[in-house]
N, C-alpha and C. Protein backbone atom coordinates (compact mmCIF):
# COMPACT_ATOMS: atom_id res chain seq x y z
N UNK A 1 -6.54 110.11 -10.14
CA UNK A 1 -6.87 109.76 -8.80
C UNK A 1 -5.90 108.33 -8.40
N UNK A 2 -5.26 108.38 -7.13
CA UNK A 2 -4.85 107.21 -6.78
C UNK A 2 -5.67 106.32 -6.04
N UNK A 3 -5.39 104.87 -6.35
CA UNK A 3 -6.26 103.93 -5.83
C UNK A 3 -5.67 103.59 -4.42
N UNK A 4 -6.77 103.21 -3.54
CA UNK A 4 -6.15 102.85 -2.25
C UNK A 4 -5.91 101.46 -2.26
N UNK A 5 -4.71 100.95 -1.82
CA UNK A 5 -4.26 99.77 -1.87
C UNK A 5 -4.31 99.01 -0.63
N UNK A 6 -4.74 99.61 0.43
CA UNK A 6 -4.95 98.98 1.65
C UNK A 6 -5.91 97.83 1.60
N UNK A 7 -5.69 96.74 2.16
CA UNK A 7 -6.56 95.64 2.07
C UNK A 7 -7.85 96.01 2.96
N UNK A 8 -9.06 95.44 2.33
CA UNK A 8 -10.24 95.51 3.02
C UNK A 8 -10.40 94.64 4.12
N UNK A 9 -11.06 94.93 5.38
CA UNK A 9 -11.22 94.00 6.43
C UNK A 9 -11.46 92.37 5.97
N UNK A 10 -12.43 92.37 4.92
CA UNK A 10 -12.76 91.06 4.52
C UNK A 10 -11.64 90.33 3.87
N UNK A 11 -10.45 91.02 3.54
CA UNK A 11 -9.27 90.30 2.94
C UNK A 11 -8.48 89.96 4.00
N UNK A 12 -8.48 90.41 5.16
CA UNK A 12 -7.55 90.06 6.09
C UNK A 12 -8.17 89.05 7.21
N UNK A 13 -7.47 88.20 7.48
CA UNK A 13 -8.02 87.04 8.59
C UNK A 13 -6.86 86.69 9.32
N UNK A 14 -6.96 86.75 10.75
CA UNK A 14 -5.78 86.29 11.45
C UNK A 14 -6.52 85.57 12.73
N UNK A 15 -5.99 84.26 12.90
CA UNK A 15 -6.39 83.35 13.88
C UNK A 15 -5.22 82.95 14.62
N UNK A 16 -5.29 82.87 16.00
CA UNK A 16 -4.16 82.37 16.80
C UNK A 16 -4.74 81.43 17.81
N UNK A 17 -4.06 80.31 17.59
CA UNK A 17 -4.64 78.98 18.49
C UNK A 17 -3.26 78.75 19.49
N UNK A 18 -3.79 78.19 20.48
CA UNK A 18 -2.70 77.64 21.52
C UNK A 18 -3.12 76.22 21.92
N UNK A 19 -2.05 75.42 22.28
CA UNK A 19 -2.22 74.14 22.72
C UNK A 19 -1.19 73.91 24.07
N UNK A 20 -1.87 74.14 25.35
CA UNK A 20 -0.97 74.09 26.42
C UNK A 20 -1.40 73.05 27.13
N UNK A 21 -0.31 72.19 27.67
CA UNK A 21 -0.63 71.09 28.58
C UNK A 21 0.73 71.12 29.57
N UNK A 22 0.31 71.59 30.85
CA UNK A 22 1.54 71.82 31.72
C UNK A 22 2.18 70.34 32.10
N UNK A 23 1.26 69.36 32.02
CA UNK A 23 1.74 67.92 32.68
C UNK A 23 2.64 67.42 31.49
N UNK A 24 2.54 67.79 30.33
CA UNK A 24 3.47 67.31 29.31
C UNK A 24 4.47 68.38 28.91
N UNK A 25 4.65 69.59 29.65
CA UNK A 25 5.46 70.63 29.32
C UNK A 25 5.44 71.08 27.94
N UNK A 26 4.03 71.15 27.42
CA UNK A 26 3.66 71.56 26.20
C UNK A 26 3.19 72.99 26.20
N UNK A 27 3.48 74.00 25.42
CA UNK A 27 3.00 75.19 25.15
C UNK A 27 3.38 75.56 23.69
N UNK A 28 2.40 75.52 22.97
CA UNK A 28 2.41 75.68 21.53
C UNK A 28 1.63 76.75 20.92
N UNK A 29 2.05 77.19 19.84
CA UNK A 29 1.10 78.46 19.17
C UNK A 29 0.84 78.01 17.74
N UNK A 30 -0.14 78.39 17.07
CA UNK A 30 -0.20 78.27 15.62
C UNK A 30 -0.94 79.49 15.21
N UNK A 31 -0.42 80.15 14.15
CA UNK A 31 -1.23 81.10 13.53
C UNK A 31 -1.54 81.01 12.11
N UNK A 32 -2.87 81.30 11.90
CA UNK A 32 -3.27 81.05 10.56
C UNK A 32 -3.87 82.48 10.09
N UNK A 33 -3.27 82.80 8.68
CA UNK A 33 -3.74 84.22 8.43
C UNK A 33 -3.88 84.10 6.88
N UNK A 34 -4.87 84.94 6.32
CA UNK A 34 -5.00 85.22 4.88
C UNK A 34 -4.69 86.77 4.72
N UNK A 35 -3.92 87.06 3.62
CA UNK A 35 -3.26 88.15 3.45
C UNK A 35 -3.16 88.40 2.04
N UNK A 36 -3.43 89.64 1.38
CA UNK A 36 -3.13 89.93 -0.04
C UNK A 36 -1.69 90.02 -0.24
N UNK A 37 -1.15 89.84 -1.55
CA UNK A 37 0.03 89.90 -2.00
C UNK A 37 0.24 91.07 -2.83
N UNK A 38 1.40 91.46 -3.22
CA UNK A 38 1.62 92.63 -3.96
C UNK A 38 1.15 92.35 -5.42
N UNK A 39 1.14 91.13 -5.71
CA UNK A 39 0.70 90.76 -7.30
C UNK A 39 -0.60 90.35 -7.49
N UNK A 40 -1.65 90.75 -6.44
CA UNK A 40 -3.11 90.30 -6.64
C UNK A 40 -3.43 88.98 -6.16
N UNK A 41 -2.58 88.31 -5.80
CA UNK A 41 -2.96 86.85 -5.24
C UNK A 41 -3.34 87.03 -3.77
N UNK A 42 -3.64 85.89 -3.19
CA UNK A 42 -3.98 85.77 -1.77
C UNK A 42 -3.07 84.73 -1.24
N UNK A 43 -2.50 85.11 -0.09
CA UNK A 43 -1.51 84.17 0.60
C UNK A 43 -2.22 83.62 1.85
N UNK A 44 -2.21 82.35 2.14
CA UNK A 44 -2.59 81.67 3.28
C UNK A 44 -1.34 81.38 4.13
N UNK A 45 -1.11 82.07 5.19
CA UNK A 45 0.19 82.02 5.89
C UNK A 45 -0.07 81.29 7.15
N UNK A 46 0.99 80.24 7.63
CA UNK A 46 0.80 79.49 8.76
C UNK A 46 2.03 79.57 9.62
N UNK A 47 2.03 80.03 10.69
CA UNK A 47 3.30 80.14 11.55
C UNK A 47 2.89 79.19 12.84
N UNK A 48 4.09 78.63 13.32
CA UNK A 48 3.89 77.87 14.59
C UNK A 48 5.20 77.68 15.17
N UNK A 49 4.94 77.29 16.45
CA UNK A 49 6.16 77.02 17.28
C UNK A 49 5.78 76.97 18.75
N UNK A 50 6.79 76.93 19.62
CA UNK A 50 6.63 76.93 21.02
C UNK A 50 6.58 78.35 21.55
N UNK A 51 5.55 78.59 22.38
CA UNK A 51 5.17 79.80 22.91
C UNK A 51 6.49 80.54 23.58
N UNK A 52 6.63 81.66 23.15
CA UNK A 52 8.06 82.41 23.70
C UNK A 52 9.24 82.34 22.90
N UNK A 53 9.13 81.51 21.74
CA UNK A 53 10.38 81.41 21.03
C UNK A 53 9.90 81.55 19.51
N UNK A 54 10.90 81.81 18.56
CA UNK A 54 10.62 81.91 17.14
C UNK A 54 10.11 80.72 16.68
N UNK A 55 9.11 80.67 15.58
CA UNK A 55 8.77 79.28 15.15
C UNK A 55 9.16 79.28 13.68
N UNK A 56 8.23 78.73 13.02
CA UNK A 56 8.55 78.44 11.51
C UNK A 56 7.34 79.09 10.75
N UNK A 57 7.53 79.36 9.54
CA UNK A 57 6.45 80.18 8.70
C UNK A 57 6.39 79.45 7.30
N UNK A 58 5.22 79.19 6.86
CA UNK A 58 5.06 78.66 5.62
C UNK A 58 3.88 79.45 4.93
N UNK A 59 3.93 79.76 3.82
CA UNK A 59 3.09 80.57 2.87
C UNK A 59 2.60 79.83 1.66
N UNK A 60 1.27 79.64 1.49
CA UNK A 60 0.68 79.13 0.32
C UNK A 60 0.15 80.14 -0.40
N UNK A 61 0.09 80.28 -1.76
CA UNK A 61 -0.46 81.42 -2.60
C UNK A 61 -1.62 80.69 -3.50
N UNK A 62 -2.54 81.51 -3.42
CA UNK A 62 -3.93 81.11 -4.03
C UNK A 62 -4.33 82.18 -5.08
N UNK A 63 -4.68 81.86 -6.24
CA UNK A 63 -5.29 82.99 -7.22
C UNK A 63 -6.39 83.70 -6.70
N UNK A 64 -7.39 82.89 -6.06
CA UNK A 64 -8.61 83.48 -5.52
C UNK A 64 -8.59 83.58 -4.08
N UNK A 65 -9.29 84.37 -3.43
CA UNK A 65 -9.45 84.64 -2.08
C UNK A 65 -10.18 83.18 -1.38
N UNK A 66 -11.22 82.90 -2.17
CA UNK A 66 -11.91 81.73 -1.90
C UNK A 66 -11.05 80.47 -1.46
N UNK A 67 -10.07 80.26 -2.33
CA UNK A 67 -9.19 78.94 -2.23
C UNK A 67 -8.36 79.01 -0.99
N UNK A 68 -8.02 80.34 -0.61
CA UNK A 68 -7.11 80.43 0.74
C UNK A 68 -8.07 80.45 1.99
N UNK A 69 -9.18 80.82 1.74
CA UNK A 69 -10.28 80.75 2.84
C UNK A 69 -10.68 79.27 3.17
N UNK A 70 -10.74 78.50 2.10
CA UNK A 70 -11.02 76.95 2.35
C UNK A 70 -9.88 76.29 3.05
N UNK A 71 -8.57 76.67 2.43
CA UNK A 71 -7.47 75.97 3.18
C UNK A 71 -7.34 76.45 4.55
N UNK A 72 -7.50 77.74 4.95
CA UNK A 72 -7.48 78.24 6.34
C UNK A 72 -8.50 77.28 7.14
N UNK A 73 -9.66 77.18 6.65
CA UNK A 73 -10.58 76.40 7.27
C UNK A 73 -10.19 74.92 7.46
N UNK A 74 -9.70 74.31 6.49
CA UNK A 74 -9.28 73.06 6.64
C UNK A 74 -8.11 72.93 7.78
N UNK A 75 -7.18 73.82 7.62
CA UNK A 75 -6.08 73.80 8.67
C UNK A 75 -6.74 74.06 10.08
N UNK A 76 -7.55 75.11 10.13
CA UNK A 76 -8.15 75.20 11.48
C UNK A 76 -8.98 73.99 12.11
N UNK A 77 -9.75 73.42 11.25
CA UNK A 77 -10.30 72.18 11.64
C UNK A 77 -9.38 71.18 12.08
N UNK A 78 -8.15 70.95 11.35
CA UNK A 78 -7.22 69.95 11.64
C UNK A 78 -6.45 70.29 13.17
N UNK A 79 -6.32 71.34 13.38
CA UNK A 79 -5.59 71.99 14.58
C UNK A 79 -6.65 71.79 15.74
N UNK A 80 -7.85 72.01 15.44
CA UNK A 80 -8.90 71.93 16.50
C UNK A 80 -8.92 70.50 16.97
N UNK A 81 -8.89 69.44 16.07
CA UNK A 81 -9.07 68.19 16.40
C UNK A 81 -7.79 67.71 17.10
N UNK A 82 -6.59 68.23 16.95
CA UNK A 82 -5.35 68.05 17.72
C UNK A 82 -5.14 68.65 19.07
N UNK A 83 -6.39 69.32 19.47
CA UNK A 83 -6.28 69.92 20.86
C UNK A 83 -6.06 71.36 20.84
N UNK A 84 -5.72 71.99 19.72
CA UNK A 84 -5.38 73.47 19.88
C UNK A 84 -6.84 74.20 20.05
N UNK A 85 -6.56 75.43 20.71
CA UNK A 85 -7.88 75.98 21.09
C UNK A 85 -7.72 77.67 20.46
N UNK A 86 -8.93 78.15 20.07
CA UNK A 86 -8.61 79.62 19.53
C UNK A 86 -8.35 80.37 20.70
N UNK A 87 -7.44 81.38 20.48
CA UNK A 87 -7.20 82.21 21.74
C UNK A 87 -8.14 83.42 21.51
N UNK A 88 -8.57 84.07 22.69
CA UNK A 88 -9.67 85.14 22.59
C UNK A 88 -9.08 86.09 21.92
N UNK A 89 -9.76 86.76 21.03
CA UNK A 89 -9.53 87.95 20.28
C UNK A 89 -9.84 89.11 21.07
N UNK A 90 -8.95 90.26 21.25
CA UNK A 90 -9.42 91.50 21.83
C UNK A 90 -10.65 92.03 21.25
N UNK A 91 -11.47 92.82 21.88
CA UNK A 91 -12.63 93.64 21.33
C UNK A 91 -12.26 94.33 20.04
N UNK A 92 -11.01 95.20 20.07
CA UNK A 92 -10.96 96.12 19.05
C UNK A 92 -10.54 95.18 17.70
N UNK A 93 -10.39 93.99 17.86
CA UNK A 93 -10.01 93.16 16.59
C UNK A 93 -11.28 92.50 15.98
N UNK A 94 -12.43 92.67 16.71
CA UNK A 94 -13.53 92.18 16.22
C UNK A 94 -13.64 90.64 16.49
N UNK A 95 -13.19 90.17 17.39
CA UNK A 95 -13.15 88.61 17.63
C UNK A 95 -14.49 88.08 17.91
N UNK A 96 -14.49 86.86 18.52
CA UNK A 96 -15.59 86.32 18.93
C UNK A 96 -16.03 85.28 17.80
N UNK A 97 -17.38 84.88 17.98
CA UNK A 97 -17.96 83.77 17.23
C UNK A 97 -17.96 84.16 15.64
N UNK A 98 -18.10 85.55 15.21
CA UNK A 98 -18.16 85.98 13.86
C UNK A 98 -16.70 85.43 13.20
N UNK A 99 -15.53 85.64 13.98
CA UNK A 99 -14.28 85.27 13.38
C UNK A 99 -14.32 83.90 13.17
N UNK A 100 -14.61 83.10 14.11
CA UNK A 100 -14.55 81.65 14.03
C UNK A 100 -15.51 81.06 12.86
N UNK A 101 -16.70 81.56 12.66
CA UNK A 101 -17.50 80.96 11.59
C UNK A 101 -16.92 81.32 10.28
N UNK A 102 -16.23 82.55 10.07
CA UNK A 102 -15.81 83.14 8.78
C UNK A 102 -14.45 82.26 8.47
N UNK A 103 -13.73 81.83 9.51
CA UNK A 103 -12.43 81.24 9.29
C UNK A 103 -12.68 79.73 8.96
N UNK A 104 -13.68 79.31 9.43
CA UNK A 104 -13.96 77.69 8.97
C UNK A 104 -14.72 77.76 7.66
N UNK A 105 -15.14 78.87 7.24
CA UNK A 105 -15.95 78.77 6.05
C UNK A 105 -17.34 78.46 6.08
N UNK A 106 -17.72 78.71 7.35
CA UNK A 106 -19.26 78.52 7.61
C UNK A 106 -19.95 79.78 8.33
N UNK A 107 -20.68 80.34 7.42
CA UNK A 107 -21.35 81.78 7.82
C UNK A 107 -22.69 81.36 8.13
């Protein structure tokens, strides 16, 4: 029997943050995600840049999902302190407070 290698919903986590200030001509985005790798590790991926342009991407690997989850929570807290705000998630993505509490490691 073939195994299903699709990641479970508990393995995927994507958060999109924006920092927009028209008075300073600032429109930035920051994406934090947790993704499984082909080798059984967990990756915490950060993407950032100016809204409407290509940005930068950095990937950090973790042996355990919990390590990536803690790192995502730390980055989320750091970005919220710097003025970024969570972009509202569409209903079909299961957004809302549940996503926010999971991302920061506070259930």
